Amino acid sequence: MPRVMLLIPTASYRAPDFMSAADQLGLDVVVASDIDQPLADMYPGRWLTLPYHDLEEGARAVARYADRFPLDAVVAVDDPGTVLAAYASSELQLTGNSPESVIGTRDKSALRRALDAHGVRSPWWRVFRFDDPSPASDLDYPVVIKPLGLNGSRGVMRANDSVSFERALARLARMLQSKSATEECGDLVDRYLVEGFIPGVEVALEGLLRDGELHTLAVFDKPDPLDGPFFEETIYVTPSRLPDEDVEEVVEASSRSAEALGLRDGPLHAELRLNEAGAWPVDVAARTIGGLCARTLRFGAGMSLEEIVLRHAIDAPLETLNREATAAGVMMMPIVGRGRIRAIVGLDEAAAVPLIEDIEMEARVGDMLVPLPEGADYPGFIFARGEDPAEVESALREAWSKIAFVL
């Protein structure tokens, strides 16, 4: 029985779906997370605590475990574990991406350097230190200011002039003073990136790299405009309704981005902007799509994305990578405001909307909602499936219109 270590950070949505896929495949799984609780109680006897922010010690801890219980693969299910998984796989001489290539997906400036070096379309960009004089008066607006090491659109803000830039810079500096942000960013916490705003529609590509070749699993439209000042994602729908030549452009840009970073193995999630100049990579990650969004994807006879990733990791047969023919979509419920939830109403009415397949709530009464750019946790996910992408999108919007949060 193959033994797989899953790196699942405590904040991840992905634990149940990856564990379910592992059980279906009959894998012997050990979960490696960043703290002992609360997931340890869910998976007794299959738990290891790792120092996610000390990569060398984390890799040595995995190696010590593998000395007693040999591993066939180390798989990260979310951003915080991707670099550690690469270090551990290298330590154990397992198939996987090099640590250097994955570091390029976790440091936004490293991503931009790699894209520039390989001639992949990219906006102008510069890195500044927080203790440097503000560059506000010297920038070509509009711009986007970003932390180098956070994910999920946290801290990402658009500025249209020097006044809004100064406000955004001060807000980002306050954000990065928190203990959690400092730990996650590590030695990147003292710097930030400024880049030119890329106009156009935004799309996402889900793929699998096998020996350096990108196999496209899905291309998602993001029909809601993402023009700032913050960049909260909402609806993903696949298949894309873009013209074939635009989809081909997205695939080509994603493949070139992976090559530029040196990524050759495993899942790839790319976010891109598309305009008259072509496709512009915004972000590239060595992991699957975030949140619970992977539940929109089914392959072959109902195979999940998580099963594909695990089959690839253990070199098990993959008879097809073709997504099912029906359209599918997910809505990450917008964070409607800052406050403690007193009530959530309309869920039954939303679930009754035709084509709605499921509604998965993450937030509960009593929880605190924190919007972007500081917040990161979506209150819930709405899933729809049907014959036509436009009908799926319409169903998601109708369902969301029936839900209200009382704060």
Protein backbone atom coordinates (compact mmCIF):
# COMPACT_ATOMS: atom_id res chain seq x y z
CA MET A 1 0.00 0.00 0.00
CA PRO A 2 1.57 3.35 -1.04
CA ARG A 3 2.22 5.75 1.84
CA VAL A 4 1.66 9.46 1.18
CA MET A 5 2.34 12.41 3.44
CA LEU A 6 -0.18 15.22 2.98
CA LEU A 7 0.96 18.65 4.12
CA ILE A 8 -2.27 20.26 5.33
CA PRO A 9 -1.96 23.62 7.11
CA THR A 10 -4.50 24.23 9.85
CA ALA A 11 -6.22 27.03 7.90
CA SER A 12 -6.77 24.86 4.81
CA TYR A 13 -10.22 24.03 3.45
CA ARG A 14 -8.79 21.00 1.65
CA ALA A 15 -8.29 18.33 4.31
CA PRO A 16 -11.60 16.42 3.94
CA ASP A 17 -11.47 16.21 0.13
CA PHE A 18 -7.86 15.04 -0.02
CA MET A 19 -8.42 12.53 2.77
CA SER A 20 -11.53 11.20 1.02
CA ALA A 21 -9.59 10.76 -2.24
CA ALA A 22 -6.76 9.01 -0.39
CA ASP A 23 -9.23 6.63 1.25
CA GLN A 24 -10.79 5.83 -2.13
CA LEU A 25 -7.36 4.95 -3.47
CA GLY A 26 -6.53 2.85 -0.42
CA LEU A 27 -3.49 4.94 0.49
CA ASP A 28 -1.75 4.88 3.82
CA VAL A 29 -1.82 8.57 4.72
CA VAL A 30 -0.04 10.64 7.32
CA VAL A 31 -1.17 14.24 7.76
CA ALA A 32 1.59 16.77 8.45
CA SER A 33 0.36 20.10 9.74
CA ASP A 34 1.70 23.17 11.49
CA ILE A 35 0.02 22.66 14.88
CA ASP A 36 -1.22 19.71 16.91
CA GLN A 37 -4.88 20.71 17.01
CA PRO A 38 -7.63 20.62 15.90
CA LEU A 39 -7.09 18.23 12.98
CA ALA A 40 -5.15 15.70 15.03
CA ASP A 41 -8.38 14.54 16.65
CA MET A 42 -9.90 13.97 13.20
CA TYR A 43 -7.08 11.68 12.05
CA PRO A 44 -5.81 9.76 15.09
CA GLY A 45 -2.61 7.81 14.50
CA ARG A 46 -1.95 9.55 11.22
CA TRP A 47 -0.54 12.87 12.37
CA LEU A 48 2.79 14.68 12.33
CA THR A 49 3.52 18.25 13.36
CA LEU A 50 6.08 20.13 11.24
CA PRO A 51 7.73 23.57 11.49
CA TYR A 52 6.38 24.97 8.22
CA HIS A 53 8.49 28.13 8.51
CA ASP A 54 11.78 26.31 9.13
CA LEU A 55 12.18 24.54 5.82
CA GLU A 56 15.42 22.71 6.52
CA GLU A 57 14.28 21.42 9.91
CA GLY A 58 10.87 20.53 8.45
CA ALA A 59 12.53 18.50 5.69
CA ARG A 60 14.74 16.74 8.24
CA ALA A 61 11.65 15.92 10.34
CA VAL A 62 10.02 14.35 7.29
CA ALA A 63 13.21 12.39 6.60
CA ARG A 64 13.28 11.11 10.18
CA TYR A 65 9.69 9.97 9.82
CA ALA A 66 10.47 8.31 6.48
CA ASP A 67 13.36 6.40 8.06
CA ARG A 68 10.75 4.53 10.13
CA PHE A 69 7.84 4.65 7.70
CA PRO A 70 9.05 4.98 4.09
CA LEU A 71 7.10 7.47 1.96
CA ASP A 72 6.14 7.21 -1.68
CA ALA A 73 5.17 10.89 -2.04
CA VAL A 74 4.93 14.17 -0.16
CA VAL A 75 2.00 16.30 -1.37
CA ALA A 76 1.14 19.86 -0.33
CA VAL A 77 -2.56 20.63 -0.52
CA ASP A 78 -2.29 24.40 -0.06
CA ASP A 79 0.16 27.28 -0.53
CA PRO A 80 1.86 27.27 2.90
CA GLY A 81 3.11 23.71 2.45
CA THR A 82 4.31 23.80 -1.15
CA VAL A 83 7.91 24.85 -0.49
CA LEU A 84 8.30 22.47 2.45
CA ALA A 85 6.95 19.62 0.29
CA ALA A 86 9.58 20.42 -2.34
CA TYR A 87 12.36 20.47 0.27
CA ALA A 88 11.17 17.18 1.76
CA SER A 89 10.79 15.48 -1.62
CA SER A 90 14.30 16.59 -2.55
CA GLU A 91 15.67 15.30 0.77
CA LEU A 92 14.03 11.91 0.15
CA GLN A 93 14.88 11.89 -3.58
CA LEU A 94 11.21 11.60 -4.50
CA THR A 95 9.69 12.89 -7.71
CA GLY A 96 8.66 16.52 -7.42
CA ASN A 97 9.49 20.11 -8.23
CA SER A 98 12.81 21.57 -7.13
CA PRO A 99 12.68 23.82 -4.06
CA GLU A 100 13.97 26.72 -6.16
CA SER A 101 11.10 26.44 -8.63
CA VAL A 102 8.45 26.38 -5.91
CA ILE A 103 10.01 29.30 -4.05
CA GLY A 104 9.30 31.28 -7.21
CA THR A 105 5.58 30.69 -6.71
CA ARG A 106 5.64 31.92 -3.09
CA ASP A 107 7.67 35.11 -3.61
CA LYS A 108 5.86 37.50 -5.96
CA SER A 109 9.08 39.27 -6.90
CA ALA A 110 10.76 35.95 -7.77
CA LEU A 111 7.81 35.16 -10.03
CA ARG A 112 8.18 38.48 -11.85
CA ARG A 113 11.95 38.00 -12.24
CA ALA A 114 11.47 34.53 -13.71
CA LEU A 115 8.80 35.70 -16.16
CA ASP A 116 10.94 38.65 -17.29
CA ALA A 117 14.00 36.44 -17.73
CA HIS A 118 12.09 34.09 -20.02
CA GLY A 119 10.23 36.73 -22.04
CA VAL A 120 6.80 35.96 -20.60
CA ARG A 121 4.41 38.92 -20.74
CA SER A 122 4.55 40.87 -17.47
CA PRO A 123 3.80 44.42 -16.27
CA TRP A 124 6.50 46.77 -15.02
CA TRP A 125 7.30 46.12 -11.37
CA ARG A 126 9.58 47.16 -8.54
CA VAL A 127 10.28 46.00 -5.00
CA PHE A 128 10.59 48.49 -2.15
CA ARG A 129 11.40 48.22 1.53
CA PHE A 130 8.93 49.57 4.03
CA ASP A 131 11.67 51.70 5.59
CA ASP A 132 12.52 53.27 2.20
CA PRO A 133 11.08 56.68 1.28
CA SER A 134 7.64 56.27 -0.31
CA PRO A 135 7.78 56.05 -4.13
CA ALA A 136 4.24 57.46 -4.43
CA SER A 137 5.24 60.58 -6.38
CA ASP A 138 7.30 58.62 -8.94
CA LEU A 139 4.81 55.91 -10.01
CA ASP A 140 2.87 55.56 -13.26
CA TYR A 141 -0.70 55.02 -12.05
CA PRO A 142 -2.82 52.95 -11.71
CA VAL A 143 -0.69 50.46 -9.80
CA VAL A 144 -1.20 47.39 -7.63
CA ILE A 145 0.65 47.07 -4.31
CA LYS A 146 1.25 43.55 -3.00
CA PRO A 147 2.93 41.80 -0.08
CA LEU A 148 5.63 39.46 -1.34
CA GLY A 149 4.61 36.42 0.68
CA LEU A 150 0.85 36.27 1.33
CA ASN A 151 -1.73 34.44 -0.77
CA GLY A 152 -5.48 34.62 -1.36
CA SER A 153 -5.47 38.32 -2.42
CA ARG A 154 -4.62 39.37 1.14
CA GLY A 155 -2.98 42.77 1.18
CA VAL A 156 -3.37 43.27 -2.57
CA MET A 157 -4.69 46.77 -3.33
CA ARG A 158 -5.05 49.04 -6.33
CA ALA A 159 -4.00 52.69 -6.13
CA ASN A 160 -5.03 55.24 -8.74
CA ASP A 161 -2.98 58.17 -7.44
CA SER A 162 -0.38 59.08 -4.84
CA VAL A 163 -2.97 59.70 -2.11
CA SER A 164 -4.57 56.27 -2.45
CA PHE A 165 -1.10 54.70 -2.72
CA GLU A 166 -0.01 56.20 0.61
CA ARG A 167 -3.17 54.90 2.27
CA ALA A 168 -2.66 51.43 0.79
CA LEU A 169 0.99 51.34 1.81
CA ALA A 170 0.18 52.27 5.41
CA ARG A 171 -2.58 49.65 5.51
CA LEU A 172 -0.28 46.93 4.18
CA ALA A 173 2.44 47.85 6.67
CA ARG A 174 -0.05 47.47 9.54
CA MET A 175 -1.20 44.11 8.19
CA LEU A 176 2.30 42.69 8.05
CA GLN A 177 2.96 43.55 11.68
CA SER A 178 0.70 40.72 12.85
CA LYS A 179 2.39 37.57 14.13
CA SER A 180 0.67 35.30 11.59
CA ALA A 181 1.64 37.49 8.62
CA THR A 182 5.22 37.79 9.88
CA GLU A 183 5.52 34.01 10.20
CA GLU A 184 3.98 33.36 6.80
CA CYS A 185 6.09 35.95 4.96
CA GLY A 186 9.33 35.12 6.77
CA ASP A 187 12.23 37.20 5.48
CA LEU A 188 9.96 38.77 2.83
CA VAL A 189 7.98 40.71 5.43
CA ASP A 190 10.07 43.89 5.20
CA ARG A 191 9.40 44.45 1.48
CA TYR A 192 6.50 44.96 -0.89
CA LEU A 193 5.93 44.84 -4.64
CA VAL A 194 4.43 47.53 -6.85
CA GLU A 195 3.41 46.67 -10.39
CA GLY A 196 1.41 48.23 -13.18
CA PHE A 197 -2.30 47.43 -13.12
CA ILE A 198 -3.21 44.99 -15.89
CA PRO A 199 -6.63 45.75 -17.44
CA GLY A 200 -8.78 43.03 -18.94
CA VAL A 201 -10.81 39.97 -18.01
CA GLU A 202 -9.41 37.50 -15.53
CA VAL A 203 -9.34 33.73 -15.99
CA ALA A 204 -7.84 30.77 -14.16
CA LEU A 205 -6.21 27.63 -15.48
CA GLU A 206 -6.06 24.33 -13.64
CA GLY A 207 -3.43 21.95 -14.92
CA LEU A 208 -1.18 19.02 -14.19
CA LEU A 209 2.52 19.00 -15.06
CA ARG A 210 3.95 15.63 -16.07
CA ASP A 211 7.66 15.59 -16.95
CA GLY A 212 7.45 19.30 -17.73
CA GLU A 213 4.45 19.02 -20.05
CA LEU A 214 1.32 20.94 -19.04
CA HIS A 215 -1.95 19.03 -19.30
CA THR A 216 -4.86 21.46 -19.10
CA LEU A 217 -7.61 20.21 -16.80
CA ALA A 218 -9.91 23.24 -16.91
CA VAL A 219 -10.02 26.92 -17.82
CA PHE A 220 -12.33 29.02 -15.65
CA ASP A 221 -13.99 32.31 -16.51
CA LYS A 222 -14.24 34.88 -13.71
CA PRO A 223 -17.23 36.88 -14.92
CA ASP A 224 -17.15 39.48 -12.13
CA PRO A 225 -14.70 42.32 -12.90
CA LEU A 226 -11.61 42.39 -10.68
CA ASP A 227 -10.61 46.02 -10.97
CA GLY A 228 -9.99 46.91 -7.32
CA PRO A 229 -9.49 48.61 -4.99
CA PHE A 230 -9.39 45.08 -3.51
CA PHE A 231 -9.50 41.81 -5.43
CA GLU A 232 -12.11 39.56 -3.86
CA GLU A 233 -12.83 36.59 -6.10
CA THR A 234 -16.40 35.40 -6.44
CA ILE A 235 -17.56 33.28 -9.39
CA TYR A 236 -15.59 30.64 -11.30
CA VAL A 237 -17.31 28.92 -14.27
CA THR A 238 -15.97 26.27 -16.62
CA PRO A 239 -15.74 25.61 -19.54
CA SER A 240 -14.60 29.06 -20.56
CA ARG A 241 -16.77 31.02 -22.96
CA LEU A 242 -13.74 32.77 -24.43
CA PRO A 243 -12.93 32.22 -28.13
CA ASP A 244 -10.72 29.21 -28.77
CA GLU A 245 -7.77 31.40 -29.72
CA ASP A 246 -7.97 33.20 -26.37
CA VAL A 247 -8.07 29.91 -24.47
CA GLU A 248 -5.03 28.75 -26.43
CA GLU A 249 -3.27 31.98 -25.46
CA VAL A 250 -4.06 31.34 -21.78
CA VAL A 251 -2.75 27.77 -21.99
CA GLU A 252 0.43 28.87 -23.76
CA ALA A 253 1.12 31.64 -21.23
CA SER A 254 0.56 29.23 -18.34
CA SER A 255 2.88 26.65 -19.85
CA ARG A 256 5.59 29.24 -20.45
CA SER A 257 5.19 30.54 -16.89
CA ALA A 258 5.71 27.05 -15.47
CA GLU A 259 8.77 26.59 -17.66
CA ALA A 260 10.14 29.98 -16.58
CA LEU A 261 9.85 29.01 -12.93
CA GLY A 262 11.28 25.54 -13.52
CA LEU A 263 8.10 23.74 -12.46
CA ARG A 264 7.90 20.25 -13.98
CA ASP A 265 5.73 18.07 -11.78
CA GLY A 266 2.32 18.08 -10.15
CA PRO A 267 -0.61 20.48 -10.01
CA LEU A 268 -0.48 23.98 -11.44
CA HIS A 269 -2.94 26.78 -10.76
CA ALA A 270 -2.48 29.97 -12.78
CA GLU A 271 -4.37 33.27 -12.67
CA LEU A 272 -4.12 35.42 -15.78
CA ARG A 273 -5.46 38.66 -17.26
CA LEU A 274 -6.46 38.72 -20.91
CA ASN A 275 -6.62 41.85 -23.06
CA GLU A 276 -5.85 42.97 -26.61
CA ALA A 277 -2.11 42.45 -25.97
CA GLY A 278 -2.61 38.81 -24.95
CA ALA A 279 -2.50 36.81 -21.72
CA TRP A 280 -0.65 38.21 -18.68
CA PRO A 281 0.15 35.85 -15.79
CA VAL A 282 -0.88 37.42 -12.48
CA ASP A 283 -0.07 34.53 -10.17
CA VAL A 284 1.22 30.96 -10.57
CA ALA A 285 0.97 28.32 -7.84
CA ALA A 286 2.31 24.77 -7.49
CA ARG A 287 -0.95 23.48 -6.01
CA THR A 288 -4.58 22.95 -6.92
CA ILE A 289 -7.28 25.60 -7.01
CA GLY A 290 -8.02 27.09 -3.58
CA GLY A 291 -10.91 26.83 -1.17
CA LEU A 292 -13.46 24.20 -2.06
CA CYS A 293 -13.50 25.22 -5.72
CA ALA A 294 -12.03 21.88 -6.85
CA ARG A 295 -15.45 20.35 -6.20
CA THR A 296 -16.60 21.84 -9.50
CA LEU A 297 -14.29 19.46 -11.37
CA ARG A 298 -15.00 15.84 -12.25
CA PHE A 299 -13.01 13.70 -14.63
CA GLY A 300 -13.73 10.46 -16.43
CA ALA A 301 -16.21 8.42 -14.42
CA GLY A 302 -16.49 10.92 -11.57
CA MET A 303 -12.84 11.16 -10.56
CA SER A 304 -12.03 14.20 -8.39
CA LEU A 305 -9.15 16.62 -8.86
CA GLU A 306 -7.67 15.41 -5.58
CA GLU A 307 -7.66 11.84 -6.87
CA ILE A 308 -5.86 12.93 -10.02
CA VAL A 309 -3.18 14.69 -7.96
CA LEU A 310 -2.68 11.69 -5.69
CA ARG A 311 -2.64 9.20 -8.57
CA HIS A 312 0.02 11.29 -10.27
CA ALA A 313 2.04 11.56 -7.06
CA ILE A 314 2.26 7.79 -6.59
CA ASP A 315 2.62 7.12 -10.34
CA ALA A 316 -0.68 5.23 -10.48
CA PRO A 317 -2.54 4.85 -13.81
CA LEU A 318 -4.42 7.90 -15.09
CA GLU A 319 -6.66 6.72 -17.88
CA THR A 320 -8.07 10.18 -18.63
CA LEU A 321 -7.56 13.80 -17.75
CA ASN A 322 -10.67 14.90 -19.60
CA ARG A 323 -13.18 16.90 -17.56
CA GLU A 324 -16.84 15.89 -17.73
CA ALA A 325 -18.80 17.59 -20.51
CA THR A 326 -21.27 19.54 -18.37
CA ALA A 327 -20.69 23.11 -17.26
CA ALA A 328 -19.92 23.75 -13.61
CA GLY A 329 -19.33 26.72 -11.40
CA VAL A 330 -18.72 27.87 -7.86
CA MET A 331 -19.38 31.13 -6.07
CA MET A 332 -17.15 32.02 -3.18
CA MET A 333 -19.59 33.98 -1.05
CA PRO A 334 -18.46 37.60 -0.80
CA ILE A 335 -17.48 38.88 2.63
CA VAL A 336 -20.32 41.37 3.05
CA GLY A 337 -18.80 43.44 5.85
CA ARG A 338 -16.82 43.46 9.05
CA GLY A 339 -18.64 42.12 12.09
CA ARG A 340 -19.80 39.13 14.07
CA ILE A 341 -22.47 36.98 12.42
CA ARG A 342 -25.81 37.16 14.23
CA ALA A 343 -27.79 35.19 11.63
CA ILE A 344 -27.54 33.66 8.15
CA VAL A 345 -30.86 33.62 6.30
CA GLY A 346 -32.09 32.32 2.95
CA LEU A 347 -29.99 29.17 2.65
CA ASP A 348 -32.97 26.89 2.00
CA GLU A 349 -34.30 29.24 -0.67
CA ALA A 350 -30.87 29.43 -2.30
CA ALA A 351 -30.49 25.64 -2.30
CA ALA A 352 -33.86 25.33 -4.09
CA VAL A 353 -32.69 27.37 -7.11
CA PRO A 354 -32.53 25.14 -10.21
CA LEU A 355 -29.02 23.88 -11.09
CA ILE A 356 -27.70 24.53 -7.57
CA GLU A 357 -25.94 21.35 -6.53
CA ASP A 358 -24.72 22.19 -3.04
CA ILE A 359 -24.09 25.00 -0.58
CA GLU A 360 -21.20 24.51 1.83
CA MET A 361 -21.05 26.98 4.71
CA GLU A 362 -17.72 27.64 6.41
CA ALA A 363 -18.88 30.53 8.60
CA ARG A 364 -21.24 29.97 11.50
CA VAL A 365 -23.33 32.20 13.71
CA GLY A 366 -20.95 33.84 16.17
CA ASP A 367 -18.00 33.88 13.77
CA MET A 368 -16.27 37.13 12.86
CA LEU A 369 -16.20 38.25 9.21
CA VAL A 370 -13.18 40.26 8.09
CA PRO A 371 -13.19 41.60 4.49
CA LEU A 372 -10.21 41.92 2.21
CA PRO A 373 -7.52 43.10 2.15
CA GLU A 374 -6.99 41.90 5.75
CA GLY A 375 -9.40 38.95 5.67
CA ALA A 376 -8.93 35.68 3.86
CA ASP A 377 -11.76 33.32 4.84
CA TYR A 378 -14.79 33.06 2.59
CA PRO A 379 -18.09 32.51 4.47
CA GLY A 380 -19.16 29.69 2.17
CA PHE A 381 -19.33 28.19 -1.32
CA ILE A 382 -22.27 27.75 -3.71
CA PHE A 383 -21.96 25.05 -6.39
CA ALA A 384 -23.96 24.72 -9.61
CA ARG A 385 -23.90 22.34 -12.55
CA GLY A 386 -25.74 22.38 -15.86
CA GLU A 387 -25.50 22.16 -19.63
CA ASP A 388 -24.58 25.79 -20.30
CA PRO A 389 -21.98 27.99 -18.55
CA ALA A 390 -24.22 31.07 -18.76
CA GLU A 391 -27.07 29.20 -17.04
CA VAL A 392 -24.68 28.00 -14.32
CA GLU A 393 -23.50 31.57 -13.71
CA SER A 394 -27.10 32.81 -13.58
CA ALA A 395 -28.03 30.11 -11.05
CA LEU A 396 -25.11 31.06 -8.80
CA ARG A 397 -26.13 34.73 -8.86
CA GLU A 398 -29.76 33.92 -8.16
CA ALA A 399 -28.85 31.67 -5.23
CA TRP A 400 -26.57 34.33 -3.74
CA SER A 401 -29.33 36.94 -4.04
CA LYS A 402 -31.43 34.91 -1.59
CA ILE A 403 -28.74 34.71 1.14
CA ALA A 404 -28.20 37.43 3.72
CA PHE A 405 -25.78 37.77 6.62
CA VAL A 406 -26.93 39.69 9.65
CA LEU A 407 -23.86 41.17 11.39
